[in-house]
Protein backbone atom coordinates (compact mmCIF):
# COMPACT_ATOMS: atom_id res chain seq x y z
CA UNK A 1 -37.48 1.06 12.35
CA UNK A 2 -37.59 0.35 8.61
CA UNK A 3 -34.48 1.01 6.62
CA UNK A 4 -34.33 3.92 4.24
CA UNK A 5 -34.39 2.64 0.69
CA UNK A 6 -32.50 5.35 -1.16
CA UNK A 7 -28.98 4.02 -1.67
CA UNK A 8 -26.12 3.55 -4.09
CA UNK A 9 -26.18 -0.16 -3.21
CA UNK A 10 -28.69 -2.45 -4.82
CA UNK A 11 -30.88 -4.66 -2.68
CA UNK A 12 -29.55 -8.20 -2.60
CA UNK A 13 -29.91 -11.46 -0.74
CA UNK A 14 -27.83 -12.01 2.37
CA UNK A 15 -25.03 -14.56 2.01
CA UNK A 16 -23.39 -15.90 5.16
CA UNK A 17 -19.99 -17.57 4.84
CA UNK A 18 -18.14 -19.40 7.59
CA UNK A 19 -14.87 -20.22 5.90
CA UNK A 20 -12.73 -18.48 8.50
CA UNK A 21 -9.70 -20.42 9.65
CA UNK A 22 -8.07 -19.35 12.90
CA UNK A 23 -4.49 -19.63 14.14
CA UNK A 24 -3.00 -20.74 10.82
CA UNK A 25 -0.39 -18.55 9.07
CA UNK A 26 -1.97 -17.15 5.95
CA UNK A 27 -1.12 -17.83 2.34
CA UNK A 28 2.35 -19.38 2.37
CA UNK A 29 3.58 -20.02 -1.16
CA UNK A 30 1.59 -19.06 -4.21
CA UNK A 31 -1.36 -21.39 -3.71
CA UNK A 32 -5.01 -20.38 -3.66
CA UNK A 33 -6.23 -18.52 -0.56
CA UNK A 34 -10.04 -18.21 -0.42
CA UNK A 35 -11.83 -15.04 0.62
CA UNK A 36 -12.27 -14.95 4.37
CA UNK A 37 -9.26 -17.01 5.46
CA UNK A 38 -8.35 -15.73 8.93
CA UNK A 39 -5.01 -15.95 10.72
CA UNK A 40 -4.29 -14.68 14.22
CA UNK A 41 -1.04 -13.62 15.84
CA UNK A 42 -0.62 -13.18 19.57
CA UNK A 43 -0.28 -9.65 20.91
CA UNK A 44 0.62 -10.93 24.43
CA UNK A 45 -1.29 -11.87 27.54
CA UNK A 46 -3.76 -9.19 28.59
CA UNK A 47 -2.94 -6.96 25.61
CA UNK A 48 -6.56 -6.15 24.68
CA UNK A 49 -5.65 -4.68 21.25
CA UNK A 50 -8.15 -2.07 20.21
CA UNK A 51 -7.45 -0.04 17.06
CA UNK A 52 -5.06 -0.28 14.10
CA UNK A 53 -3.47 1.79 11.34
CA UNK A 54 -0.93 1.24 8.55
CA UNK A 55 2.34 3.09 9.03
CA UNK A 56 4.46 4.57 6.28
CA UNK A 57 6.82 1.64 6.87
CA UNK A 58 4.11 -0.71 5.57
CA UNK A 59 3.59 -2.32 8.99
CA UNK A 60 0.31 -2.68 10.89
CA UNK A 61 0.46 -0.64 14.12
CA UNK A 62 -2.10 -1.23 16.89
CA UNK A 63 -2.89 -0.11 20.42
CA UNK A 64 -2.76 -2.57 23.34
CA UNK A 65 -5.22 -1.02 25.78
CA UNK A 66 -4.76 -3.66 28.49
CA UNK A 67 -0.95 -3.56 28.73
CA UNK A 68 -0.30 0.09 27.82
CA UNK A 69 1.75 -0.85 24.79
CA UNK A 70 1.80 -0.11 21.08
CA UNK A 71 2.12 -3.15 18.85
CA UNK A 72 3.57 -3.54 15.37
CA UNK A 73 3.31 -6.49 13.00
CA UNK A 74 5.19 -6.87 9.74
CA UNK A 75 2.62 -8.11 7.20
CA UNK A 76 5.29 -10.09 5.35
CA UNK A 77 7.15 -11.83 8.18
CA UNK A 78 4.23 -11.74 10.66
CA UNK A 79 6.68 -10.77 13.41
CA UNK A 80 5.09 -8.81 16.28
CA UNK A 81 6.97 -6.11 18.20
CA UNK A 82 5.70 -4.08 21.16
CA UNK A 83 6.70 -0.69 22.55
CA UNK A 84 5.93 0.30 26.13
CA UNK A 85 3.71 3.36 26.50
CA UNK A 86 5.70 4.52 29.53
CA UNK A 87 4.16 7.69 30.89
CA UNK A 88 0.91 7.07 29.03
CA UNK A 89 -2.10 4.89 29.69
CA UNK A 90 -5.12 3.31 28.05
CA UNK A 91 -4.14 3.74 24.37
CA UNK A 92 -7.19 3.66 22.09
CA UNK A 93 -7.19 5.37 18.66
CA UNK A 94 -4.09 5.35 16.46
CA UNK A 95 -3.12 7.09 13.22
CA UNK A 96 -0.22 8.27 11.08
CA UNK A 97 0.55 11.87 11.95
CA UNK A 98 1.38 14.74 9.60
CA UNK A 99 5.08 14.17 10.42
CA UNK A 100 4.97 10.49 9.39
CA UNK A 101 5.15 9.30 13.00
CA UNK A 102 2.64 7.01 14.70
CA UNK A 103 0.33 8.98 17.00
CA UNK A 104 -2.14 7.47 19.47
CA UNK A 105 -4.69 8.59 22.04
CA UNK A 106 -3.89 7.80 25.70
CA UNK A 107 -7.41 7.87 27.14
CA UNK A 108 -6.58 7.36 30.84
CA UNK A 109 -3.43 9.54 30.92
CA UNK A 110 -4.93 12.50 29.02
CA UNK A 111 -2.13 12.54 26.45
CA UNK A 112 -1.37 11.96 22.81
CA UNK A 113 1.55 9.60 22.31
CA UNK A 114 4.04 9.60 19.46
CA UNK A 115 6.37 6.87 18.15
CA UNK A 116 9.35 8.10 16.15
CA UNK A 117 9.30 6.31 12.77
CA UNK A 118 13.09 5.72 12.84
CA UNK A 119 14.07 5.19 16.48
CA UNK A 120 10.66 3.91 17.71
CA UNK A 121 11.12 6.09 20.78
CA UNK A 122 7.85 6.99 22.57
CA UNK A 123 7.07 10.54 23.68
CA UNK A 124 3.87 12.28 24.79
CA UNK A 125 1.98 15.56 24.56
CA UNK A 126 -0.51 16.49 27.27
CA UNK A 127 -4.16 17.14 26.47
CA UNK A 128 -4.80 18.67 29.90
CA UNK A 129 -7.99 17.32 31.42
CA UNK A 130 -9.26 15.90 28.13
CA UNK A 131 -9.46 12.10 27.68
CA UNK A 132 -8.78 11.44 23.97
CA UNK A 133 -10.36 8.49 22.16
CA UNK A 134 -10.35 8.51 18.36
CA UNK A 135 -7.60 10.32 16.46
CA UNK A 136 -6.94 11.36 12.87
CA UNK A 137 -4.69 13.71 10.90
CA UNK A 138 -6.90 16.49 9.60
CA UNK A 139 -6.80 18.17 6.20
CA UNK A 140 -5.22 21.18 7.91
CA UNK A 141 -2.15 19.16 8.95
CA UNK A 142 -3.10 19.04 12.64
CA UNK A 143 -4.05 16.10 14.86
CA UNK A 144 -7.76 15.99 15.68
CA UNK A 145 -9.12 13.79 18.45
CA UNK A 146 -12.44 12.94 20.03
CA UNK A 147 -13.00 13.36 23.78
CA UNK A 148 -14.92 10.93 25.96
CA UNK A 149 -15.22 13.14 29.07
CA UNK A 150 -16.39 16.42 27.50
CA UNK A 151 -18.71 17.66 24.75
CA UNK A 152 -15.72 18.68 22.65
CA UNK A 153 -13.41 17.77 19.79
CA UNK A 154 -9.69 18.47 20.29
CA UNK A 155 -7.05 19.79 17.92
CA UNK A 156 -3.31 19.52 18.53
CA UNK A 157 -0.48 21.16 16.63
CA UNK A 158 1.87 18.20 16.12
CA UNK A 159 4.97 20.40 16.17
CA UNK A 160 4.22 22.51 19.24
CA UNK A 161 1.73 20.40 21.18
CA UNK A 162 -0.68 23.33 21.48
CA UNK A 163 -4.26 22.14 22.07
CA UNK A 164 -7.51 23.89 21.18
CA UNK A 165 -11.06 22.56 21.31
CA UNK A 166 -14.32 22.89 19.43
CA UNK A 167 -17.61 22.18 21.19
CA UNK A 168 -19.78 19.38 19.85
CA UNK A 169 -23.51 19.85 19.46
CA UNK A 170 -24.67 16.80 21.43
CA UNK A 171 -23.21 14.29 23.88
CA UNK A 172 -20.53 12.26 22.05
CA UNK A 173 -20.62 9.54 24.73
CA UNK A 174 -17.94 7.00 25.55
CA UNK A 175 -17.04 5.83 22.04
CA UNK A 176 -16.76 8.78 19.66
CA UNK A 177 -14.67 8.26 16.52
CA UNK A 178 -13.45 10.64 13.84
CA UNK A 179 -12.56 10.48 10.13
CA UNK A 180 -11.73 12.85 7.29
CA UNK A 181 -14.40 12.86 4.61
CA UNK A 182 -13.97 13.24 0.86
CA UNK A 183 -15.24 16.80 1.33
CA UNK A 184 -12.24 17.56 3.63
CA UNK A 185 -14.53 17.99 6.61
CA UNK A 186 -14.16 16.08 9.86
CA UNK A 187 -16.89 13.54 10.55
CA UNK A 188 -17.50 12.43 14.14
CA UNK A 189 -19.78 9.75 15.58
CA UNK A 190 -21.80 10.86 18.62
CA UNK A 191 -22.34 7.51 20.30
CA UNK A 192 -24.61 8.63 23.12
CA UNK A 193 -26.71 10.97 20.96
CA UNK A 194 -27.13 8.59 17.99
CA UNK A 195 -25.95 11.28 15.57
CA UNK A 196 -23.19 12.05 13.09
CA UNK A 197 -21.45 15.42 13.36
CA UNK A 198 -19.84 17.21 10.42
CA UNK A 199 -17.17 19.73 11.44
CA UNK A 200 -15.37 22.15 9.17
CA UNK A 201 -11.75 22.18 10.42
CA UNK A 202 -11.19 25.77 9.31
CA UNK A 203 -14.42 27.63 10.13
CA UNK A 204 -15.54 25.20 12.87
CA UNK A 205 -19.03 25.19 11.37
CA UNK A 206 -20.95 22.21 12.80
CA UNK A 207 -23.90 20.27 11.45
CA UNK A 208 -25.56 17.22 13.03
CA UNK A 209 -27.41 14.40 11.29
CA UNK A 210 -29.70 12.10 13.25
CA UNK A 211 -29.46 8.36 12.56
CA UNK A 212 -32.95 6.91 11.87
CA UNK A 213 -32.57 3.95 14.26
CA UNK A 214 -33.04 4.86 17.93
CA UNK A 215 -30.17 3.82 20.26
CA UNK A 216 -28.00 3.14 17.22
CA UNK A 217 -24.76 3.76 19.09
CA UNK A 218 -22.57 4.82 16.13
CA UNK A 219 -18.93 3.91 16.69
CA UNK A 220 -16.21 3.84 14.02
CA UNK A 221 -16.52 5.86 10.81
CA UNK A 222 -14.53 5.77 7.56
CA UNK A 223 -14.50 7.16 4.05
CA UNK A 224 -15.75 4.60 1.55
CA UNK A 225 -16.60 4.09 -2.11
CA UNK A 226 -18.93 6.44 -3.92
CA UNK A 227 -17.74 9.57 -2.13
CA UNK A 228 -19.64 8.76 1.08
CA UNK A 229 -18.75 7.81 4.65
CA UNK A 230 -19.67 4.57 6.39
CA UNK A 231 -20.16 3.93 10.10
CA UNK A 232 -20.94 1.01 12.37
CA UNK A 233 -23.87 0.93 14.81
CA UNK A 234 -22.77 -0.89 17.95
CA UNK A 235 -26.08 -0.35 19.70
CA UNK A 236 -26.68 -0.24 23.43
CA UNK A 237 -24.21 1.25 25.88
CA UNK A 238 -21.52 -1.09 27.22
CA UNK A 239 -19.91 -4.27 25.97
CA UNK A 240 -22.26 -6.70 24.28
CA UNK A 241 -23.86 -4.09 22.06
CA UNK A 242 -27.12 -5.18 20.42
CA UNK A 243 -26.68 -3.19 17.23
CA UNK A 244 -27.15 -4.90 13.87
CA UNK A 245 -26.68 -2.19 11.28
CA UNK A 246 -24.17 -0.30 9.18
CA UNK A 247 -24.80 3.28 8.16
CA UNK A 248 -23.85 5.22 5.06
CA UNK A 249 -23.91 9.02 5.04
CA UNK A 250 -23.37 11.27 2.06
CA UNK A 251 -21.43 14.51 2.45
CA UNK A 252 -24.77 16.32 2.28
CA UNK A 253 -26.04 14.31 5.25
CA UNK A 254 -28.37 11.70 3.74
CA UNK A 255 -28.23 8.50 5.83
CA UNK A 256 -29.00 4.96 4.67
CA UNK A 257 -28.84 1.97 7.02
CA UNK A 258 -28.13 -1.69 6.20
CA UNK A 259 -29.22 -4.62 8.33
CA UNK A 260 -26.37 -7.07 8.92
CA UNK A 261 -27.09 -10.84 8.87
CA UNK A 262 -26.58 -11.69 12.56
CA UNK A 263 -28.85 -10.19 15.25
CA UNK A 264 -27.18 -8.24 18.08
CA UNK A 265 -23.80 -8.54 16.38
CA UNK A 266 -22.51 -5.22 17.70
CA UNK A 267 -20.67 -3.90 14.61
CA UNK A 268 -17.62 -1.92 15.71
CA UNK A 269 -14.63 -1.41 13.40
CA UNK A 270 -15.32 -0.50 9.77
CA UNK A 271 -13.07 0.19 6.76
CA UNK A 272 -13.12 0.25 2.98
CA UNK A 273 -11.30 -2.74 1.52
CA UNK A 274 -9.01 -2.87 -1.51
CA UNK A 275 -11.64 -5.07 -3.18
CA UNK A 276 -14.18 -2.21 -3.22
CA UNK A 277 -16.22 -3.72 -0.39
CA UNK A 278 -16.94 -2.45 3.12
CA UNK A 279 -15.44 -4.65 5.84
CA UNK A 280 -16.58 -4.51 9.45
CA UNK A 281 -15.87 -6.20 12.79
CA UNK A 282 -18.78 -7.65 14.81
CA UNK A 283 -17.57 -7.26 18.38
CA UNK A 284 -20.48 -8.99 20.10
CA UNK A 285 -20.54 -12.14 17.97
CA UNK A 286 -16.88 -12.46 17.00
CA UNK A 287 -17.30 -12.33 13.23
CA UNK A 288 -15.89 -10.29 10.38
CA UNK A 289 -18.42 -8.98 7.89
CA UNK A 290 -18.22 -7.82 4.30
CA UNK A 291 -20.71 -5.77 2.25
CA UNK A 292 -20.08 -5.70 -1.48
CA UNK A 293 -20.86 -2.84 -3.84
CA UNK A 294 -23.65 -5.01 -5.20
CA UNK A 295 -25.33 -5.12 -1.78
CA UNK A 296 -24.41 -8.67 -0.70
CA UNK A 297 -23.39 -9.39 2.89
CA UNK A 298 -21.05 -12.15 3.98
CA UNK A 299 -19.87 -13.05 7.47
CA UNK A 300 -16.78 -15.00 8.46
CA UNK A 301 -16.71 -16.78 11.79
CA UNK A 302 -13.46 -17.83 13.46
CA UNK A 303 -12.08 -19.07 16.76
CA UNK A 304 -11.60 -15.58 18.17
CA UNK A 305 -14.01 -13.07 19.68
CA UNK A 306 -14.23 -9.35 20.20
CA UNK A 307 -12.82 -7.95 16.94
CA UNK A 308 -12.53 -4.19 17.30
CA UNK A 309 -10.96 -1.84 14.74
CA UNK A 310 -10.21 -2.98 11.20
CA UNK A 311 -7.90 -1.56 8.52
CA UNK A 312 -6.89 -2.35 4.93
CA UNK A 313 -3.32 -3.68 4.92
CA UNK A 314 -0.65 -3.15 2.26
CA UNK A 315 -0.75 -6.86 1.42
CA UNK A 316 -4.28 -6.92 -0.05
CA UNK A 317 -5.80 -8.28 3.18
CA UNK A 318 -7.73 -6.67 6.04
CA UNK A 319 -6.19 -6.56 9.54
CA UNK A 320 -8.06 -6.26 12.82
CA UNK A 321 -7.28 -6.31 16.56
CA UNK A 322 -9.11 -8.99 18.58
CA UNK A 323 -9.75 -7.31 21.93
CA UNK A 324 -10.78 -10.37 23.94
CA UNK A 325 -8.43 -12.93 22.36
CA UNK A 326 -5.36 -10.64 22.72
CA UNK A 327 -4.40 -11.04 19.08
CA UNK A 328 -3.88 -9.12 15.88
CA UNK A 329 -5.58 -10.90 12.97
CA UNK A 330 -5.61 -10.95 9.19
CA UNK A 331 -8.47 -11.85 6.83
CA UNK A 332 -7.99 -12.35 3.11
CA UNK A 333 -10.05 -10.46 0.55
CA UNK A 334 -9.38 -12.78 -2.40
CA UNK A 335 -6.99 -10.30 -4.00
CA UNK A 336 -3.37 -11.27 -4.67
CA UNK A 337 -0.65 -9.95 -2.40
CA UNK A 338 2.26 -7.69 -3.29
CA UNK A 339 4.88 -8.79 -5.81
CA UNK A 340 8.33 -8.75 -4.21
CA UNK A 341 12.01 -8.19 -5.02
CA UNK A 342 11.51 -5.72 -7.88
CA UNK A 343 14.78 -5.24 -9.77
CA UNK A 344 15.48 -2.88 -12.68
CA UNK A 345 17.97 -2.60 -15.54
CA UNK A 346 18.24 0.48 -17.76
CA UNK A 347 18.13 0.44 -21.54
CA UNK A 348 17.79 3.03 -24.26
CA UNK A 349 14.56 4.95 -23.55
CA UNK A 350 13.44 1.87 -21.61
CA UNK A 351 13.90 -0.09 -18.39
CA UNK A 352 13.64 -3.85 -17.89
CA UNK A 353 11.81 -4.77 -14.66
CA UNK A 354 11.80 -8.16 -12.92
CA UNK A 355 9.98 -9.35 -9.80
CA UNK A 356 8.87 -12.37 -7.78
CA UNK A 357 5.26 -13.53 -7.60
CA UNK A 358 3.27 -12.65 -4.45
CA UNK A 359 3.41 -15.15 -1.60
CA UNK A 360 -0.40 -15.09 -1.64
CA UNK A 361 -2.00 -15.28 -5.07
CA UNK A 362 -5.50 -14.75 -3.67
CA UNK A 363 -8.68 -16.63 -4.40
CA UNK A 364 -7.68 -17.63 -7.94
CA UNK A 365 -4.78 -17.60 -10.37
CA UNK A 366 -2.93 -14.42 -11.26
CA UNK A 367 -3.78 -13.46 -14.83
CA UNK A 368 -1.52 -10.44 -15.33
CA UNK A 369 0.96 -8.02 -13.83
CA UNK A 370 0.99 -4.26 -14.43
CA UNK A 371 4.26 -2.36 -14.11
CA UNK A 372 4.02 1.42 -13.67
CA UNK A 373 6.80 3.99 -13.99
CA UNK A 374 7.08 7.15 -11.92
CA UNK A 375 7.21 9.88 -13.13
CA UNK A 376 5.05 9.77 -16.23
CA UNK A 377 2.93 6.70 -15.54
CA UNK A 378 4.17 4.59 -18.46
CA UNK A 379 3.12 0.96 -18.03
CA UNK A 380 3.60 -2.50 -19.39
CA UNK A 381 1.28 -5.46 -18.86
CA UNK A 382 2.37 -9.09 -18.95
CA UNK A 383 1.58 -12.57 -17.66
CA UNK A 384 5.30 -13.17 -17.06
CA UNK A 385 7.56 -12.09 -14.19
CA UNK A 386 9.42 -9.49 -16.23
CA UNK A 387 8.78 -6.88 -18.88
CA UNK A 388 10.35 -3.83 -20.48
CA UNK A 389 8.76 -0.42 -20.00
CA UNK A 390 9.36 1.56 -23.18
CA UNK A 391 8.80 5.14 -24.27
CA UNK A 392 10.79 6.58 -21.36
CA UNK A 393 12.90 9.72 -21.52
CA UNK A 394 16.64 9.21 -21.59
CA UNK A 395 18.42 10.85 -18.66
CA UNK A 396 15.35 10.82 -16.35
CA UNK A 397 15.49 8.67 -13.20
CA UNK A 398 12.46 6.38 -12.82
CA UNK A 399 11.09 4.14 -10.08
CA UNK A 400 8.67 1.27 -10.66
CA UNK A 401 5.89 -0.61 -8.90
CA UNK A 402 4.28 -3.90 -9.88
CA UNK A 403 0.67 -4.92 -9.22
CA UNK A 404 -0.79 -8.43 -9.61
CA UNK A 405 -4.33 -9.02 -10.86
CA UNK A 406 -6.51 -12.11 -10.58
CA UNK A 407 -10.18 -12.61 -11.47
CA UNK A 408 -11.18 -11.05 -8.14
CA UNK A 409 -9.32 -7.83 -8.85
CA UNK A 410 -5.96 -6.10 -8.50
CA UNK A 411 -3.88 -6.43 -5.35
CA UNK A 412 -1.72 -3.74 -3.73
CA UNK A 413 1.38 -2.42 -5.51
CA UNK A 414 4.82 -3.75 -4.68
CA UNK A 415 7.37 -1.75 -2.78
CA UNK A 416 8.89 0.89 -5.05
CA UNK A 417 12.00 -0.19 -6.94
CA UNK A 418 15.40 1.45 -6.89
CA UNK A 419 15.97 4.23 -9.42
CA UNK A 420 16.82 3.39 -13.01
CA UNK A 421 17.89 5.97 -15.59
CA UNK A 422 17.56 5.07 -19.28
CA UNK A 423 20.22 6.48 -21.60
CA UNK A 424 20.59 6.76 -25.36
CA UNK A 425 22.58 4.19 -27.29
CA UNK A 426 25.96 5.40 -28.53
CA UNK A 427 26.32 6.48 -32.14
CA UNK A 428 28.79 4.84 -34.54
CA UNK A 429 32.53 5.17 -33.83
CA UNK A 430 34.24 7.88 -35.90
CA UNK A 431 37.21 7.80 -38.24
CA UNK A 432 37.75 4.07 -38.41
CA UNK A 433 41.24 3.53 -39.84
CA UNK A 434 42.75 0.20 -40.82
CA UNK A 435 46.39 -0.57 -41.61
CA UNK A 436 48.44 -3.72 -42.19
CA UNK A 437 51.51 -3.65 -39.94
CA UNK A 438 52.82 -7.05 -41.11
CA UNK A 439 51.63 -9.72 -43.50
CA UNK A 440 48.52 -11.52 -42.28
CA UNK A 441 47.79 -8.94 -39.58
CA UNK A 442 45.48 -5.98 -39.39
CA UNK A 443 45.37 -3.06 -36.93
CA UNK A 444 42.31 -0.87 -36.43
CA UNK A 445 41.96 2.46 -34.64
CA UNK A 446 39.00 4.79 -34.31
CA UNK A 447 37.67 7.80 -32.43
CA UNK A 448 34.89 7.80 -29.84
CA UNK A 449 31.36 8.24 -31.17
CA UNK A 450 29.74 11.66 -31.07
CA UNK A 451 26.90 10.37 -28.87
CA UNK A 452 27.93 8.33 -25.79
CA UNK A 453 24.58 8.27 -23.94
CA UNK A 454 26.34 9.81 -20.96
CA UNK A 455 27.72 6.41 -19.94
CA UNK A 456 31.14 4.71 -20.06
CA UNK A 457 31.85 2.97 -23.35
CA UNK A 458 33.36 -0.32 -24.37
CA UNK A 459 33.78 -1.55 -27.94
CA UNK A 460 33.23 -4.71 -29.95
CA UNK A 461 34.88 -5.75 -33.21
CA UNK A 462 33.74 -8.37 -35.69
CA UNK A 463 35.51 -9.56 -38.84
CA UNK A 464 33.67 -11.00 -41.83
CA UNK A 465 35.68 -13.14 -44.26
CA UNK A 466 33.70 -12.30 -47.39
CA UNK A 467 35.56 -14.86 -49.47
CA UNK A 468 34.96 -17.74 -47.07
CA UNK A 469 31.55 -16.46 -46.00
CA UNK A 470 32.36 -16.66 -42.26
CA UNK A 471 31.98 -14.20 -39.36
CA UNK A 472 34.04 -14.05 -36.21
CA UNK A 473 32.31 -13.64 -32.87
CA UNK A 474 32.00 -10.12 -31.44
CA UNK A 475 35.37 -9.48 -29.80
CA UNK A 476 35.35 -7.12 -26.76
CA UNK A 477 37.81 -4.22 -26.78
CA UNK A 478 38.34 -1.77 -23.92
CA UNK A 479 40.55 0.70 -25.85
CA UNK A 480 40.21 2.18 -29.32
CA UNK A 481 42.96 0.00 -30.88
CA UNK A 482 42.54 -3.57 -32.10
CA UNK A 483 45.13 -5.96 -33.55
CA UNK A 484 44.14 -9.15 -35.27
CA UNK A 485 46.14 -11.89 -37.00
CA UNK A 486 45.28 -14.81 -39.24
CA UNK A 487 44.18 -12.77 -42.24
CA UNK A 488 44.36 -14.84 -45.44
CA UNK A 489 46.13 -13.55 -48.53
CA UNK A 490 43.79 -12.60 -51.41
CA UNK A 491 40.65 -12.92 -49.26
CA UNK A 492 38.26 -10.00 -48.98
CA UNK A 493 37.20 -8.79 -45.52
CA UNK A 494 34.64 -6.55 -43.93
CA UNK A 495 35.72 -5.15 -40.55
CA UNK A 496 33.04 -3.82 -38.20
CA UNK A 497 33.35 -1.92 -34.89
CA UNK A 498 30.61 -0.63 -32.63
CA UNK A 499 30.39 1.11 -29.26
CA UNK A 500 28.52 -0.35 -26.31
CA UNK A 501 27.19 1.32 -23.14
CA UNK A 502 24.92 0.06 -20.35
CA UNK A 503 21.86 0.63 -22.54
CA UNK A 504 23.19 -1.58 -25.33
CA UNK A 505 25.14 -1.48 -28.58
CA UNK A 506 24.95 1.33 -31.10
CA UNK A 507 25.33 1.24 -34.91
CA UNK A 508 28.57 0.02 -36.49
CA UNK A 509 31.36 1.68 -38.41
CA UNK A 510 32.60 -0.46 -41.31
CA UNK A 511 35.75 -0.85 -43.40
CA UNK A 512 36.12 -3.27 -46.33
CA UNK A 513 39.32 -4.70 -47.78
CA UNK A 514 39.18 -6.44 -51.14
CA UNK A 515 41.98 -8.86 -51.96
CA UNK A 516 43.84 -8.65 -48.66
CA UNK A 517 47.58 -8.45 -49.48
């Protein structure tokens, strides 16, 4: 069937790339890492990893269908951990729940599993006779899941475990998936029927949209650029799907299809990338595909096979489970990674921020960093590894993130810094009084300044020999009394004292002696 031509993407030539590199750790150091560099990390013998999500801890979490485990990989260290799904079975879909925990669908045990974000303990909630597949946190704060053994969509209260269902319109088939759209509706693929279902989570109003291609076999679905949703078309029933298309559906139901470069590629996982492109996993041919906003396709071959779900990681790369190779894999997008080790130092109405460059600079050199303050959104932009954010409010606690940009685009923000609270500089010390206790000596006393900035104070004193034209260094003083010898008879002096807090030094108080006795 011919493709529909109405689309937000322009028609463009197909570009096929094969720069994938398997089994090599990605992007060590700050050297160039081309788009499409692939690294794989073992999930264990027989793991059969299936779907993935990004936890609030910044790790990639994935389901191991074959070994009844949940896997976790740290995107920085690349260390893989696994957690036994004891009491569950056949984990498929996975998501971050409304409580911040990791929730997953146990398809053969008829349960939803939960991993505590702190203890990593695994517990379960029964779904009765329903076999859950895809899972997502809905806009109503509940867990919604697709069901492979009934014409229904399930809803679970995460706190109580109470389950209700809403009937679908057609047969969802074996591989239904679910996503939240930009319109706050639930969008579900009906694999067997070749349709997309829109479900209002509040009213339960249902509307179906038929995909133009017969036997399209829609599988995963995701929100994407332009306020639309994107889905993959795996094709015929069973492994080795003969699909070759991606679909785009607007919130009003208009569908456009895009022919991928490789025949019978069986597109499966699909996700919006941080580079503004749509990334997808070709299960049947073992490739990762990319469709740019300009309409250009690229494919990246590698030593693996059977890529399933795919998700945008916090490191500027895409991550995907490889079902048949028993691995979790990473593919670069060309964007730089996250700056690291963000440190802060408060000043007066400002904060100095420092950081380390990303381990992976992306496809080309980093051209700038953008530092953003929260609250307020004040920024500074620099090509260096430090800058001062100005215009802040004294007494307000701020946190900061840093984002690197190269010619490909901007990478993900760094981890949030510790709090920093700018404070005002102190005002000048009050009532500076100078006396001469003995010949050649001077003693100074003063009162604390009116404005301290809310911080502990220290003081500094400097003496200017006006006759000789020389200045002493700033001399630190912890109390408000200072004694100094070596004054020369008949010389004139200017004596200066200023207060100092963590934000810096304030203005000086001055006393002048002409013709020192």
